């Protein structure tokens, strides 16, 4: 998202220099910032429970609902701990699976995330190294995002990790992950606990828009995005998805600065919303 917004700012200004007085505003609107909402905290509590009881589960949500950000924040809240002369303690191992992720690719990713340089070798060698590092780093929970990209054989590798060390493993993905898991009973039974992250309801949406205006947009003059004339188009276009809301309001804020405005007016918001169909 940050790279996308940087490119978009470059396209807005072209060869013109960005005025010094708004550079800090632009940098703030582009910078990644995480806001932990109440319903995200509930997911963290659920993850804590799985971690404590050494159980597996899955998080299912539509795209752009904030599931990846929520899991990454959980990792940040449980940062690795340095141990001089020994491997760092990594209580939460969070990763995003690449497309058609094979067992070898998954094990290599684990090695890389745990800071191991030697990632060549056959599957058996990769498995031995990964399992040893998981044990040495005292990993308590592995969160695999974009798990709908895993191949069926890779699920067997994940099951092996759980069977050997009884650490919590959580798969994160869309409805297609649900369909994949339910194709094999042994996979579904291991990941039977499920947290469904839903889009924001119409009643929840105004509060989140207000938070985003205050903490993300934060232009000199209030934009009053919770007014009905701006709130309803925002909800209709984003469908209550936090990821889309974030993208819209950041772009609207940047476009407002390009126009020399000190807030997001309805015309600018409507202009941005037209790009989302």
Protein backbone atom coordinates (compact mmCIF):
# COMPACT_ATOMS: atom_id res chain seq x y z
CA UNK A 1 0.00 0.00 0.00
CA UNK A 2 2.81 2.41 0.88
CA UNK A 3 4.58 1.80 -2.45
CA UNK A 4 1.31 2.20 -4.35
CA UNK A 5 0.61 5.55 -2.69
CA UNK A 6 4.15 6.76 -3.33
CA UNK A 7 3.74 6.01 -7.02
CA UNK A 8 0.36 7.71 -6.99
CA UNK A 9 1.81 10.87 -5.43
CA UNK A 10 4.48 10.92 -8.13
CA UNK A 11 1.80 10.71 -10.80
CA UNK A 12 -0.20 13.52 -9.16
CA UNK A 13 2.70 15.98 -9.11
CA UNK A 14 4.53 14.71 -12.18
CA UNK A 15 7.67 16.79 -12.70
CA UNK A 16 6.46 19.59 -10.42
CA UNK A 17 8.24 19.84 -7.06
CA UNK A 18 6.10 19.06 -4.02
CA UNK A 19 5.71 22.20 -1.87
CA UNK A 20 7.79 21.98 1.31
CA UNK A 21 4.88 23.01 3.51
CA UNK A 22 2.86 19.86 2.68
CA UNK A 23 5.66 17.29 2.44
CA UNK A 24 5.17 16.17 6.04
CA UNK A 25 1.40 15.81 5.45
CA UNK A 26 2.04 13.65 2.38
CA UNK A 27 4.58 11.48 4.20
CA UNK A 28 2.10 10.95 7.03
CA UNK A 29 -0.70 9.95 4.63
CA UNK A 30 1.59 7.51 2.85
CA UNK A 31 3.18 5.98 5.95
CA UNK A 32 1.86 2.68 7.24
CA UNK A 33 -0.09 3.14 10.45
CA UNK A 34 -1.97 0.48 12.30
CA UNK A 35 -5.10 1.24 14.30
CA UNK A 36 -6.28 -1.60 16.48
CA UNK A 37 -10.06 -1.61 16.60
CA UNK A 38 -12.20 -3.39 19.20
CA UNK A 39 -13.14 -6.29 16.94
CA UNK A 40 -9.45 -6.81 16.08
CA UNK A 41 -8.70 -7.09 19.79
CA UNK A 42 -11.24 -9.90 19.96
CA UNK A 43 -9.26 -11.81 17.33
CA UNK A 44 -6.11 -11.31 19.40
CA UNK A 45 -7.86 -12.72 22.44
CA UNK A 46 -8.94 -15.72 20.38
CA UNK A 47 -5.36 -16.20 19.15
CA UNK A 48 -4.12 -16.01 22.74
CA UNK A 49 -6.51 -18.80 23.70
CA UNK A 50 -5.35 -21.06 20.85
CA UNK A 51 -1.74 -20.32 21.70
CA UNK A 52 -2.26 -21.16 25.37
CA UNK A 53 -4.15 -24.39 24.68
CA UNK A 54 -1.82 -25.40 21.80
CA UNK A 55 -4.73 -25.77 19.37
CA UNK A 56 -5.08 -25.04 15.66
CA UNK A 57 -7.67 -22.91 13.93
CA UNK A 58 -8.43 -20.69 10.98
CA UNK A 59 -9.48 -17.10 10.32
CA UNK A 60 -11.82 -16.64 7.38
CA UNK A 61 -12.70 -13.22 5.96
CA UNK A 62 -13.45 -11.50 2.66
CA UNK A 63 -10.54 -9.64 1.01
CA UNK A 64 -9.72 -6.15 2.33
CA UNK A 65 -11.30 -6.65 5.74
CA UNK A 66 -8.05 -6.17 7.66
CA UNK A 67 -7.24 -9.80 8.51
CA UNK A 68 -3.59 -9.55 7.42
CA UNK A 69 -3.00 -6.31 9.31
CA UNK A 70 -4.64 -7.76 12.42
CA UNK A 71 -2.38 -10.83 12.38
CA UNK A 72 0.73 -8.77 11.72
CA UNK A 73 -0.14 -6.48 14.64
CA UNK A 74 -0.43 -9.60 16.81
CA UNK A 75 3.12 -10.44 15.78
CA UNK A 76 4.28 -6.91 16.65
CA UNK A 77 2.62 -7.15 20.05
CA UNK A 78 4.60 -10.33 20.70
CA UNK A 79 8.02 -9.32 19.39
CA UNK A 80 11.03 -11.67 19.38
CA UNK A 81 13.28 -11.48 22.43
CA UNK A 82 17.05 -11.28 22.04
CA UNK A 83 19.18 -13.91 23.78
CA UNK A 84 22.92 -13.16 23.56
CA UNK A 85 24.78 -16.14 22.18
CA UNK A 86 21.57 -18.07 21.58
CA UNK A 87 18.77 -18.03 19.05
CA UNK A 88 16.14 -15.31 19.59
CA UNK A 89 12.86 -16.33 21.18
CA UNK A 90 10.10 -15.98 18.58
CA UNK A 91 6.73 -16.59 20.26
CA UNK A 92 4.71 -15.62 17.17
CA UNK A 93 5.83 -16.62 13.69
CA UNK A 94 3.75 -14.81 11.04
CA UNK A 95 4.15 -15.45 7.32
CA UNK A 96 2.36 -14.91 4.04
CA UNK A 97 2.24 -17.91 1.73
CA UNK A 98 3.25 -17.35 -1.92
CA UNK A 99 1.10 -18.63 -4.78
CA UNK A 100 0.89 -22.44 -5.11
CA UNK A 101 3.01 -22.73 -1.97
CA UNK A 102 4.70 -26.13 -1.85
CA UNK A 103 5.95 -27.84 1.31
CA UNK A 104 9.53 -26.94 0.38
CA UNK A 105 8.62 -23.27 -0.09
CA UNK A 106 6.83 -23.19 3.25
CA UNK A 107 9.80 -24.71 5.08
CA UNK A 108 12.20 -22.33 3.34
CA UNK A 109 10.03 -19.40 4.41
CA UNK A 110 10.13 -20.61 8.02
CA UNK A 111 13.93 -20.84 7.87
CA UNK A 112 14.25 -17.34 6.42
CA UNK A 113 11.93 -15.80 9.00
CA UNK A 114 13.85 -17.45 11.82
CA UNK A 115 17.11 -16.05 10.47
CA UNK A 116 18.69 -19.21 9.07
CA UNK A 117 20.92 -18.66 6.03
CA UNK A 118 21.14 -22.19 4.65
CA UNK A 119 17.92 -22.72 2.69
CA UNK A 120 19.15 -25.15 0.03
CA UNK A 121 18.71 -28.90 0.14
CA UNK A 122 16.02 -31.50 -0.33
CA UNK A 123 12.69 -31.62 1.50
CA UNK A 124 13.98 -33.86 4.30
CA UNK A 125 16.91 -31.54 5.00
CA UNK A 126 14.70 -28.45 4.99
CA UNK A 127 12.25 -30.18 7.32
CA UNK A 128 14.93 -31.14 9.85
CA UNK A 129 16.34 -27.58 9.92
CA UNK A 130 12.92 -25.94 10.19
CA UNK A 131 11.76 -28.23 12.98
CA UNK A 132 15.00 -27.69 14.90
CA UNK A 133 14.72 -23.90 14.60
CA UNK A 134 11.07 -23.88 15.64
CA UNK A 135 12.09 -25.76 18.77
CA UNK A 136 15.15 -23.59 19.46
CA UNK A 137 13.20 -20.35 18.98
CA UNK A 138 10.42 -21.71 21.21
CA UNK A 139 7.75 -20.73 18.68
CA UNK A 140 4.31 -20.84 20.35
CA UNK A 141 2.07 -20.07 17.40
CA UNK A 142 2.54 -20.07 13.62
CA UNK A 143 0.16 -17.86 11.62
CA UNK A 144 0.06 -18.63 7.91
CA UNK A 145 -1.65 -15.86 5.95
CA UNK A 146 -2.91 -16.28 2.37
CA UNK A 147 -3.28 -19.96 3.27
CA UNK A 148 -5.65 -20.47 0.35
CA UNK A 149 -2.44 -20.52 -1.76
CA UNK A 150 -1.17 -23.68 -0.03
CA UNK A 151 -1.22 -26.93 -1.95
CA UNK A 152 -2.91 -29.95 -0.39
CA UNK A 153 0.49 -31.63 0.12
CA UNK A 154 1.65 -28.59 2.08
CA UNK A 155 -1.14 -29.12 4.59
CA UNK A 156 0.42 -32.50 5.39
CA UNK A 157 3.67 -30.72 6.22
CA UNK A 158 1.82 -28.34 8.51
CA UNK A 159 0.09 -31.29 10.20
CA UNK A 160 3.50 -32.89 10.75
CA UNK A 161 4.76 -29.77 12.55
CA UNK A 162 1.72 -29.77 14.81
CA UNK A 163 1.91 -33.48 15.54
CA UNK A 164 5.58 -33.26 16.53
CA UNK A 165 5.57 -30.10 18.65
CA UNK A 166 1.91 -29.45 19.51
CA UNK A 167 2.21 -25.72 18.87
CA UNK A 168 -0.74 -23.68 17.70
CA UNK A 169 -1.03 -23.18 13.94
CA UNK A 170 -3.54 -20.74 12.46
CA UNK A 171 -4.47 -20.54 8.78
CA UNK A 172 -5.75 -17.22 7.46
CA UNK A 173 -7.60 -16.75 4.19
CA UNK A 174 -10.80 -16.19 2.27
CA UNK A 175 -13.76 -18.49 1.65
CA UNK A 176 -11.66 -20.40 -0.85
CA UNK A 177 -9.52 -21.59 2.10
CA UNK A 178 -12.65 -22.99 3.73
CA UNK A 179 -13.47 -24.90 0.55
CA UNK A 180 -9.93 -26.26 0.34
CA UNK A 181 -9.80 -27.38 3.97
CA UNK A 182 -13.15 -29.14 3.80
CA UNK A 183 -11.96 -31.32 0.92
CA UNK A 184 -9.89 -33.41 3.33
CA UNK A 185 -11.34 -34.53 6.65
CA UNK A 186 -7.96 -34.84 8.39
CA UNK A 187 -7.20 -31.18 7.55
CA UNK A 188 -10.62 -29.89 8.53
CA UNK A 189 -10.57 -31.75 11.85
CA UNK A 190 -7.27 -30.13 12.84
CA UNK A 191 -8.43 -26.63 11.91
CA UNK A 192 -12.05 -26.98 12.94
CA UNK A 193 -12.01 -23.89 15.19
CA UNK A 194 -12.86 -20.91 13.01
CA UNK A 195 -13.04 -17.15 13.52
CA UNK A 196 -15.13 -15.38 10.89
CA UNK A 197 -14.08 -11.75 10.43
CA UNK A 198 -16.94 -9.88 8.81
CA UNK A 199 -17.19 -6.56 7.04
CA UNK A 200 -18.29 -3.56 9.08
CA UNK A 201 -22.01 -3.18 9.53
CA UNK A 202 -23.76 0.05 8.61
CA UNK A 203 -23.97 0.86 12.32
CA UNK A 204 -20.26 0.24 12.94
CA UNK A 205 -19.08 2.14 9.89
CA UNK A 206 -19.51 5.78 11.12
CA UNK A 207 -17.33 5.19 14.19
CA UNK A 208 -14.53 3.69 12.11
CA UNK A 209 -14.74 6.51 9.53
CA UNK A 210 -14.42 9.02 12.38
CA UNK A 211 -11.34 7.20 13.71
CA UNK A 212 -9.77 7.15 10.25
CA UNK A 213 -10.45 10.86 9.71
CA UNK A 214 -8.85 11.76 13.04
CA UNK A 215 -5.89 9.39 13.02
CA UNK A 216 -5.13 8.78 9.34
CA UNK A 217 -6.34 11.83 7.38
CA UNK A 218 -5.79 14.40 10.13
CA UNK A 219 -5.78 17.43 7.80
CA UNK A 220 -5.78 20.96 9.29
CA UNK A 221 -9.55 21.37 8.91
CA UNK A 222 -12.09 18.61 9.74
CA UNK A 223 -13.54 16.89 6.67
CA UNK A 224 -16.70 15.74 8.50
CA UNK A 225 -16.79 12.48 6.55
CA UNK A 226 -19.46 11.08 8.84
CA UNK A 227 -22.06 13.43 7.37
CA UNK A 228 -24.75 11.50 5.51
CA UNK A 229 -23.81 12.99 2.14
CA UNK A 230 -20.28 11.59 2.39
CA UNK A 231 -20.83 8.62 4.68
CA UNK A 232 -23.33 6.76 2.52
CA UNK A 233 -21.28 6.91 -0.72
CA UNK A 234 -18.23 5.76 1.30
CA UNK A 235 -20.12 2.79 2.71
CA UNK A 236 -21.66 1.83 -0.62
CA UNK A 237 -18.33 1.89 -2.47
CA UNK A 238 -16.23 0.16 0.19
CA UNK A 239 -18.88 -2.32 1.28
CA UNK A 240 -17.76 -1.88 4.89
CA UNK A 241 -14.26 -3.24 4.15
CA UNK A 242 -11.63 -1.50 6.25
CA UNK A 243 -8.86 -2.04 3.69
CA UNK A 244 -10.87 -0.25 1.00
CA UNK A 245 -11.89 2.54 3.38
CA UNK A 246 -8.23 3.10 4.23
CA UNK A 247 -7.29 3.26 0.56
CA UNK A 248 -10.07 5.68 -0.34
CA UNK A 249 -9.54 8.19 2.46
CA UNK A 250 -5.75 8.25 2.01
CA UNK A 251 -6.11 8.92 -1.71
CA UNK A 252 -8.78 11.54 -1.05
CA UNK A 253 -6.46 13.22 1.44
CA UNK A 254 -3.55 13.24 -1.01
CA UNK A 255 -5.72 14.56 -3.84
CA UNK A 256 -6.99 17.31 -1.53
CA UNK A 257 -3.40 18.39 -0.82
CA UNK A 258 -2.67 18.40 -4.56
CA UNK A 259 -5.62 20.74 -5.03
CA UNK A 260 -4.36 23.04 -2.29
CA UNK A 261 -7.22 22.15 0.07
CA UNK A 262 -6.91 21.81 3.85
CA UNK A 263 -9.64 19.16 4.12
CA UNK A 264 -11.43 16.54 2.02
CA UNK A 265 -14.50 18.11 0.44
CA UNK A 266 -17.37 16.15 -1.09
CA UNK A 267 -16.28 16.88 -4.65
CA UNK A 268 -12.81 15.44 -4.06
CA UNK A 269 -14.18 12.40 -2.26
CA UNK A 270 -16.66 11.76 -5.08
CA UNK A 271 -13.82 12.05 -7.60
CA UNK A 272 -11.84 9.35 -5.80
CA UNK A 273 -14.89 7.14 -5.31
CA UNK A 274 -15.52 7.14 -9.06
CA UNK A 275 -12.33 5.11 -9.48
CA UNK A 276 -13.71 2.32 -7.31
CA UNK A 277 -16.28 0.27 -9.22
